[in-house]
Amino acid sequence: MLEIQGGVMTFEIWITFVSVVFVFAIIPGPTVILVLGQAISHGKKSVIPLVSGVLLGDFVAMTLSLIGLGAVLATSATLFLVLKWFGVGYLVYLGIKAWREEPEHNLQAIAGQDISKASMFKSSFLVTALNPKDIVFFVAFLPQFVNPQASVLPQLLILMVTFLGIVSITISSFALFAGIVRQRIQSIQARRRLNKLGGGALFGAAAFTSTMQRS
């Protein structure tokens, strides 16, 4: 068992949570497609900023859901739509940038590395944190694994840390794979095609986001 102040969370409950989160994390949604698209466009240097942005975004989304925004989004069609279409517009903007971006030469890449990393961190953070479907998901999902007879806060902390740990592994794997593919392709023409592929992936993420409905 996992010992929790004022009660216990059984290993069976925890491992069930791990299994469900793993499946959730590898299903291609807006965040996964964003990470793949950006890593294809920018290579292995994108892994750390992208993963960091996703983890912070998930932490913010979980926190917002637990303080009540998830319940508000579940009942407010207007707020849900505002956040959803903000996400769609932002993904389209990123897709256009990736589609039009020219492949970097080594000196240009080094000169623009910090700005590029900051931009990638911001994009993955915003898409993850402001995804209304995720916020609603967290408010409906996490309580299913909490024992109401035990202290709730320690259980939620364990679930949140577990969730972020699994997401860090899966997102890092996606980003590393796409980044390695990018690094092994040296032809400028081929890299130009990869940029367009990354942009197309972001357009796909925007289309996916636009279909989201409140549960």
C-alpha atoms as a PDB file:
ATOM      1  CA  MET A   1       0.000   0.000   0.000  1.00  0.00           C
ATOM      2  CA  LEU A   2       0.959   3.641  -0.409  1.00  0.00           C
ATOM      3  CA  GLU A   3       0.785   5.158   3.056  1.00  0.00           C
ATOM      4  CA  ILE A   4      -1.119   8.435   3.261  1.00  0.00           C
ATOM      5  CA  GLN A   5      -1.617  10.604   6.323  1.00  0.00           C
ATOM      6  CA  GLY A   6      -4.987   9.729   7.811  1.00  0.00           C
ATOM      7  CA  GLY A   7      -5.537   6.705   5.596  1.00  0.00           C
ATOM      8  CA  VAL A   8      -4.163   4.579   2.761  1.00  0.00           C
ATOM      9  CA  MET A   9      -4.206   4.419  -0.993  1.00  0.00           C
ATOM     10  CA  THR A  10      -3.851   0.837  -2.092  1.00  0.00           C
ATOM     11  CA  PHE A  11      -1.265  -0.169  -4.650  1.00  0.00           C
ATOM     12  CA  GLU A  12      -4.080  -1.591  -6.791  1.00  0.00           C
ATOM     13  CA  ILE A  13      -5.777   1.814  -7.021  1.00  0.00           C
ATOM     14  CA  TRP A  14      -2.494   3.533  -7.797  1.00  0.00           C
ATOM     15  CA  ILE A  15      -1.455   1.089 -10.525  1.00  0.00           C
ATOM     16  CA  THR A  16      -4.917   1.389 -12.087  1.00  0.00           C
ATOM     17  CA  PHE A  17      -4.436   5.155 -12.139  1.00  0.00           C
ATOM     18  CA  VAL A  18      -1.004   4.714 -13.763  1.00  0.00           C
ATOM     19  CA  SER A  19      -2.456   2.470 -16.479  1.00  0.00           C
ATOM     20  CA  VAL A  20      -5.300   4.851 -17.297  1.00  0.00           C
ATOM     21  CA  VAL A  21      -3.001   7.901 -17.384  1.00  0.00           C
ATOM     22  CA  PHE A  22      -0.507   6.111 -19.649  1.00  0.00           C
ATOM     23  CA  VAL A  23      -3.239   5.385 -22.202  1.00  0.00           C
ATOM     24  CA  PHE A  24      -4.505   8.970 -21.906  1.00  0.00           C
ATOM     25  CA  ALA A  25      -0.964  10.338 -22.400  1.00  0.00           C
ATOM     26  CA  ILE A  26      -0.196   8.420 -25.603  1.00  0.00           C
ATOM     27  CA  ILE A  27      -3.503   9.151 -27.359  1.00  0.00           C
ATOM     28  CA  PRO A  28      -2.755  11.790 -30.021  1.00  0.00           C
ATOM     29  CA  GLY A  29      -4.439  14.977 -28.829  1.00  0.00           C
ATOM     30  CA  PRO A  30      -3.576  18.657 -29.357  1.00  0.00           C
ATOM     31  CA  THR A  31      -0.594  18.553 -26.968  1.00  0.00           C
ATOM     32  CA  VAL A  32       0.959  15.396 -28.431  1.00  0.00           C
ATOM     33  CA  ILE A  33       0.494  16.649 -31.997  1.00  0.00           C
ATOM     34  CA  LEU A  34       1.939  20.050 -31.032  1.00  0.00           C
ATOM     35  CA  VAL A  35       5.028  18.420 -29.519  1.00  0.00           C
ATOM     36  CA  LEU A  36       5.562  16.186 -32.559  1.00  0.00           C
ATOM     37  CA  GLY A  37       5.094  19.108 -34.945  1.00  0.00           C
ATOM     38  CA  GLN A  38       7.486  21.403 -33.084  1.00  0.00           C
ATOM     39  CA  ALA A  39      10.120  18.699 -32.582  1.00  0.00           C
ATOM     40  CA  ILE A  40       9.983  17.798 -36.276  1.00  0.00           C
ATOM     41  CA  SER A  41      10.527  21.468 -37.126  1.00  0.00           C
ATOM     42  CA  HIS A  42      13.240  22.253 -34.548  1.00  0.00           C
ATOM     43  CA  GLY A  43      15.016  19.002 -33.695  1.00  0.00           C
ATOM     44  CA  LYS A  44      16.349  17.679 -30.385  1.00  0.00           C
ATOM     45  CA  LYS A  45      16.953  21.160 -28.941  1.00  0.00           C
ATOM     46  CA  SER A  46      13.167  21.445 -28.619  1.00  0.00           C
ATOM     47  CA  VAL A  47      12.759  18.500 -26.210  1.00  0.00           C
ATOM     48  CA  ILE A  48      13.486  20.259 -22.896  1.00  0.00           C
ATOM     49  CA  PRO A  49      11.438  23.438 -23.541  1.00  0.00           C
ATOM     50  CA  LEU A  50       8.517  21.484 -25.004  1.00  0.00           C
ATOM     51  CA  VAL A  51       8.374  18.943 -22.165  1.00  0.00           C
ATOM     52  CA  SER A  52       8.825  21.677 -19.543  1.00  0.00           C
ATOM     53  CA  GLY A  53       5.963  23.663 -21.047  1.00  0.00           C
ATOM     54  CA  VAL A  54       3.675  20.620 -21.146  1.00  0.00           C
ATOM     55  CA  LEU A  55       4.408  19.685 -17.522  1.00  0.00           C
ATOM     56  CA  LEU A  56       3.813  23.217 -16.256  1.00  0.00           C
ATOM     57  CA  GLY A  57       0.685  23.436 -18.400  1.00  0.00           C
ATOM     58  CA  ASP A  58      -0.687  20.179 -16.997  1.00  0.00           C
ATOM     59  CA  PHE A  59       0.097  21.322 -13.455  1.00  0.00           C
ATOM     60  CA  VAL A  60      -1.773  24.589 -14.037  1.00  0.00           C
ATOM     61  CA  ALA A  61      -4.706  22.750 -15.660  1.00  0.00           C
ATOM     62  CA  MET A  62      -4.944  20.324 -12.730  1.00  0.00           C
ATOM     63  CA  THR A  63      -4.735  23.162 -10.224  1.00  0.00           C
ATOM     64  CA  LEU A  64      -7.424  25.167 -12.028  1.00  0.00           C
ATOM     65  CA  SER A  65      -9.689  22.140 -12.165  1.00  0.00           C
ATOM     66  CA  LEU A  66      -9.298  21.434  -8.451  1.00  0.00           C
ATOM     67  CA  ILE A  67     -10.050  25.015  -7.412  1.00  0.00           C
ATOM     68  CA  GLY A  68     -13.305  24.984  -9.327  1.00  0.00           C
ATOM     69  CA  LEU A  69     -12.691  26.163 -12.895  1.00  0.00           C
ATOM     70  CA  GLY A  70     -13.297  22.662 -14.198  1.00  0.00           C
ATOM     71  CA  ALA A  71     -16.790  22.643 -12.732  1.00  0.00           C
ATOM     72  CA  VAL A  72     -17.451  26.093 -14.220  1.00  0.00           C
ATOM     73  CA  LEU A  73     -16.256  24.964 -17.660  1.00  0.00           C
ATOM     74  CA  ALA A  74     -18.430  21.858 -17.432  1.00  0.00           C
ATOM     75  CA  THR A  75     -21.523  24.039 -17.039  1.00  0.00           C
ATOM     76  CA  SER A  76     -20.601  27.197 -18.992  1.00  0.00           C
ATOM     77  CA  ALA A  77     -20.804  26.694 -22.739  1.00  0.00           C
ATOM     78  CA  THR A  78     -19.581  30.237 -23.412  1.00  0.00           C
ATOM     79  CA  LEU A  79     -16.367  29.956 -21.363  1.00  0.00           C
ATOM     80  CA  PHE A  80     -15.664  26.523 -22.792  1.00  0.00           C
ATOM     81  CA  LEU A  81     -16.025  27.863 -26.347  1.00  0.00           C
ATOM     82  CA  VAL A  82     -13.848  30.917 -25.626  1.00  0.00           C
ATOM     83  CA  LEU A  83     -10.972  28.772 -24.393  1.00  0.00           C
ATOM     84  CA  LYS A  84     -11.467  26.211 -27.148  1.00  0.00           C
ATOM     85  CA  TRP A  85     -11.365  28.718 -30.002  1.00  0.00           C
ATOM     86  CA  PHE A  86      -8.436  30.562 -28.443  1.00  0.00           C
ATOM     87  CA  GLY A  87      -6.576  27.247 -28.577  1.00  0.00           C
ATOM     88  CA  VAL A  88      -7.651  26.625 -32.174  1.00  0.00           C
ATOM     89  CA  GLY A  89      -6.479  30.076 -33.263  1.00  0.00           C
ATOM     90  CA  TYR A  90      -3.143  29.728 -31.478  1.00  0.00           C
ATOM     91  CA  LEU A  91      -2.474  26.316 -33.059  1.00  0.00           C
ATOM     92  CA  VAL A  92      -3.285  27.691 -36.514  1.00  0.00           C
ATOM     93  CA  TYR A  93      -0.866  30.585 -35.871  1.00  0.00           C
ATOM     94  CA  LEU A  94       1.888  28.130 -34.862  1.00  0.00           C
ATOM     95  CA  GLY A  95       1.111  25.975 -37.903  1.00  0.00           C
ATOM     96  CA  ILE A  96       1.484  28.920 -40.275  1.00  0.00           C
ATOM     97  CA  LYS A  97       4.813  29.861 -38.642  1.00  0.00           C
ATOM     98  CA  ALA A  98       6.146  26.310 -38.960  1.00  0.00           C
ATOM     99  CA  TRP A  99       4.891  25.965 -42.551  1.00  0.00           C
ATOM    100  CA  ARG A 100       6.614  29.176 -43.653  1.00  0.00           C
ATOM    101  CA  GLU A 101       9.807  28.776 -41.610  1.00  0.00           C
ATOM    102  CA  GLU A 102      13.035  28.330 -43.544  1.00  0.00           C
ATOM    103  CA  PRO A 103      15.475  25.668 -42.270  1.00  0.00           C
ATOM    104  CA  GLU A 104      18.156  27.090 -39.976  1.00  0.00           C
ATOM    105  CA  HIS A 105      21.841  27.033 -40.822  1.00  0.00           C
ATOM    106  CA  ASN A 106      24.169  26.263 -37.929  1.00  0.00           C
ATOM    107  CA  LEU A 107      25.163  29.840 -37.105  1.00  0.00           C
ATOM    108  CA  GLN A 108      21.592  31.080 -37.287  1.00  0.00           C
ATOM    109  CA  ALA A 109      20.411  28.235 -35.074  1.00  0.00           C
ATOM    110  CA  ILE A 110      22.992  29.078 -32.403  1.00  0.00           C
ATOM    111  CA  ALA A 111      22.193  32.799 -32.538  1.00  0.00           C
ATOM    112  CA  GLY A 112      18.447  32.251 -32.187  1.00  0.00           C
ATOM    113  CA  GLN A 113      18.550  29.322 -29.762  1.00  0.00           C
ATOM    114  CA  ASP A 114      17.329  31.141 -26.626  1.00  0.00           C
ATOM    115  CA  ILE A 115      14.425  32.873 -28.382  1.00  0.00           C
ATOM    116  CA  SER A 116      13.428  29.649 -30.078  1.00  0.00           C
ATOM    117  CA  LYS A 117      13.443  27.702 -26.802  1.00  0.00           C
ATOM    118  CA  ALA A 118      11.401  30.368 -25.038  1.00  0.00           C
ATOM    119  CA  SER A 119       8.894  30.370 -27.879  1.00  0.00           C
ATOM    120  CA  MET A 120       8.564  26.579 -27.834  1.00  0.00           C
ATOM    121  CA  PHE A 121       8.115  26.551 -24.048  1.00  0.00           C
ATOM    122  CA  LYS A 122       5.401  29.195 -24.294  1.00  0.00           C
ATOM    123  CA  SER A 123       3.538  27.402 -27.066  1.00  0.00           C
ATOM    124  CA  SER A 124       3.450  24.011 -25.322  1.00  0.00           C
ATOM    125  CA  PHE A 125       2.489  25.638 -22.018  1.00  0.00           C
ATOM    126  CA  LEU A 126      -0.406  27.652 -23.442  1.00  0.00           C
ATOM    127  CA  VAL A 127      -1.841  24.815 -25.534  1.00  0.00           C
ATOM    128  CA  THR A 128      -1.724  22.436 -22.562  1.00  0.00           C
ATOM    129  CA  ALA A 129      -2.827  24.770 -19.775  1.00  0.00           C
ATOM    130  CA  LEU A 130      -5.726  26.363 -21.668  1.00  0.00           C
ATOM    131  CA  ASN A 131      -7.187  23.191 -23.137  1.00  0.00           C
ATOM    132  CA  PRO A 132     -10.724  23.254 -21.659  1.00  0.00           C
ATOM    133  CA  LYS A 133     -11.272  19.569 -22.291  1.00  0.00           C
ATOM    134  CA  ASP A 134      -8.274  18.701 -20.115  1.00  0.00           C
ATOM    135  CA  ILE A 135      -9.475  20.943 -17.273  1.00  0.00           C
ATOM    136  CA  VAL A 136     -12.908  19.319 -17.329  1.00  0.00           C
ATOM    137  CA  PHE A 137     -11.232  15.896 -17.582  1.00  0.00           C
ATOM    138  CA  PHE A 138      -9.147  16.492 -14.476  1.00  0.00           C
ATOM    139  CA  VAL A 139     -12.078  17.597 -12.348  1.00  0.00           C
ATOM    140  CA  ALA A 140     -14.011  14.466 -13.351  1.00  0.00           C
ATOM    141  CA  PHE A 141     -11.044  12.066 -13.369  1.00  0.00           C
ATOM    142  CA  LEU A 142      -8.862  12.648 -10.314  1.00  0.00           C
ATOM    143  CA  PRO A 143     -11.638  12.331  -7.684  1.00  0.00           C
ATOM    144  CA  GLN A 144     -12.434   8.817  -8.942  1.00  0.00           C
ATOM    145  CA  PHE A 145      -9.165   7.610  -7.369  1.00  0.00           C
ATOM    146  CA  VAL A 146      -9.478   9.457  -4.052  1.00  0.00           C
ATOM    147  CA  ASN A 147     -10.585   7.709  -0.875  1.00  0.00           C
ATOM    148  CA  PRO A 148     -13.043  10.126   0.817  1.00  0.00           C
ATOM    149  CA  GLN A 149     -12.443   8.396   4.159  1.00  0.00           C
ATOM    150  CA  ALA A 150      -8.764   9.464   4.112  1.00  0.00           C
ATOM    151  CA  SER A 151      -7.026  12.833   3.923  1.00  0.00           C
ATOM    152  CA  VAL A 152      -7.796  14.140   0.441  1.00  0.00           C
ATOM    153  CA  LEU A 153      -4.872  16.538  -0.142  1.00  0.00           C
ATOM    154  CA  PRO A 154      -2.052  13.956   0.221  1.00  0.00           C
ATOM    155  CA  GLN A 155      -3.892  11.634  -2.157  1.00  0.00           C
ATOM    156  CA  LEU A 156      -4.342  14.386  -4.740  1.00  0.00           C
ATOM    157  CA  LEU A 157      -0.663  15.297  -4.486  1.00  0.00           C
ATOM    158  CA  ILE A 158       0.345  11.666  -5.117  1.00  0.00           C
ATOM    159  CA  LEU A 159      -1.999  11.468  -8.119  1.00  0.00           C
ATOM    160  CA  MET A 160      -0.780  14.776  -9.544  1.00  0.00           C
ATOM    161  CA  VAL A 161       2.908  13.875  -9.177  1.00  0.00           C
ATOM    162  CA  THR A 162       2.225  10.453 -10.721  1.00  0.00           C
ATOM    163  CA  PHE A 163       0.349  12.050 -13.628  1.00  0.00           C
ATOM    164  CA  LEU A 164       3.157  14.531 -14.316  1.00  0.00           C
ATOM    165  CA  GLY A 165       5.779  11.774 -14.110  1.00  0.00           C
ATOM    166  CA  ILE A 166       4.007   9.642 -16.702  1.00  0.00           C
ATOM    167  CA  VAL A 167       3.398  12.597 -18.990  1.00  0.00           C
ATOM    168  CA  SER A 168       7.064  13.608 -18.769  1.00  0.00           C
ATOM    169  CA  ILE A 169       8.107  10.126 -19.943  1.00  0.00           C
ATOM    170  CA  THR A 170       5.617   9.877 -22.811  1.00  0.00           C
ATOM    171  CA  ILE A 171       6.024  13.445 -24.074  1.00  0.00           C
ATOM    172  CA  SER A 172       9.825  13.202 -23.863  1.00  0.00           C
ATOM    173  CA  SER A 173       9.695   9.995 -25.909  1.00  0.00           C
ATOM    174  CA  PHE A 174       7.552  11.612 -28.613  1.00  0.00           C
ATOM    175  CA  ALA A 175       9.762  14.721 -28.735  1.00  0.00           C
ATOM    176  CA  LEU A 176      13.034  12.753 -28.779  1.00  0.00           C
ATOM    177  CA  PHE A 177      11.830  10.493 -31.584  1.00  0.00           C
ATOM    178  CA  ALA A 178      10.737  13.439 -33.733  1.00  0.00           C
ATOM    179  CA  GLY A 179      13.894  15.379 -32.837  1.00  0.00           C
ATOM    180  CA  ILE A 180      16.178  12.485 -33.834  1.00  0.00           C
ATOM    181  CA  VAL A 181      14.397  12.205 -37.172  1.00  0.00           C
ATOM    182  CA  ARG A 182      14.988  15.920 -37.707  1.00  0.00           C
ATOM    183  CA  GLN A 183      18.681  15.797 -36.746  1.00  0.00           C
ATOM    184  CA  ARG A 184      19.428  12.902 -39.109  1.00  0.00           C
ATOM    185  CA  ILE A 185      18.091  14.751 -42.113  1.00  0.00           C
ATOM    186  CA  GLN A 186      20.727  17.209 -43.346  1.00  0.00           C
ATOM    187  CA  SER A 187      19.315  18.224 -46.717  1.00  0.00           C
ATOM    188  CA  ILE A 188      17.873  21.757 -46.643  1.00  0.00           C
ATOM    189  CA  GLN A 189      15.138  20.685 -49.062  1.00  0.00           C
ATOM    190  CA  ALA A 190      14.206  17.727 -46.861  1.00  0.00           C
ATOM    191  CA  ARG A 191      14.191  19.958 -43.774  1.00  0.00           C
ATOM    192  CA  ARG A 192      11.919  22.356 -45.593  1.00  0.00           C
ATOM    193  CA  ARG A 193       9.512  19.456 -46.139  1.00  0.00           C
ATOM    194  CA  LEU A 194       9.766  18.556 -42.448  1.00  0.00           C
ATOM    195  CA  ASN A 195       8.827  22.120 -41.516  1.00  0.00           C
ATOM    196  CA  LYS A 196       5.732  21.782 -43.679  1.00  0.00           C
ATOM    197  CA  LEU A 197       4.987  18.408 -42.078  1.00  0.00           C
ATOM    198  CA  GLY A 198       5.277  20.006 -38.640  1.00  0.00           C
ATOM    199  CA  GLY A 199       3.006  22.846 -39.735  1.00  0.00           C
ATOM    200  CA  GLY A 200       0.498  20.354 -41.100  1.00  0.00           C
ATOM    201  CA  ALA A 201       0.548  18.496 -37.772  1.00  0.00           C
ATOM    202  CA  LEU A 202      -0.267  21.739 -35.969  1.00  0.00           C
ATOM    203  CA  PHE A 203      -3.154  22.413 -38.370  1.00  0.00           C
ATOM    204  CA  GLY A 204      -4.342  18.903 -37.540  1.00  0.00           C
ATOM    205  CA  ALA A 205      -4.141  19.689 -33.819  1.00  0.00           C
ATOM    206  CA  ALA A 206      -6.220  22.819 -34.433  1.00  0.00           C
ATOM    207  CA  ALA A 207      -8.826  20.788 -36.308  1.00  0.00           C
ATOM    208  CA  PHE A 208      -8.889  18.212 -33.498  1.00  0.00           C
ATOM    209  CA  THR A 209      -9.342  20.948 -30.885  1.00  0.00           C
ATOM    210  CA  SER A 210     -12.192  22.513 -32.854  1.00  0.00           C
ATOM    211  CA  THR A 211     -14.199  19.275 -32.572  1.00  0.00           C
ATOM    212  CA  MET A 212     -14.012  19.104 -28.771  1.00  0.00           C
ATOM    213  CA  GLN A 213     -17.343  19.152 -26.955  1.00  0.00           C
ATOM    214  CA  ARG A 214     -18.174  19.468 -23.278  1.00  0.00           C
ATOM    215  CA  SER A 215     -18.691  16.076 -21.648  1.00  0.00           C
END
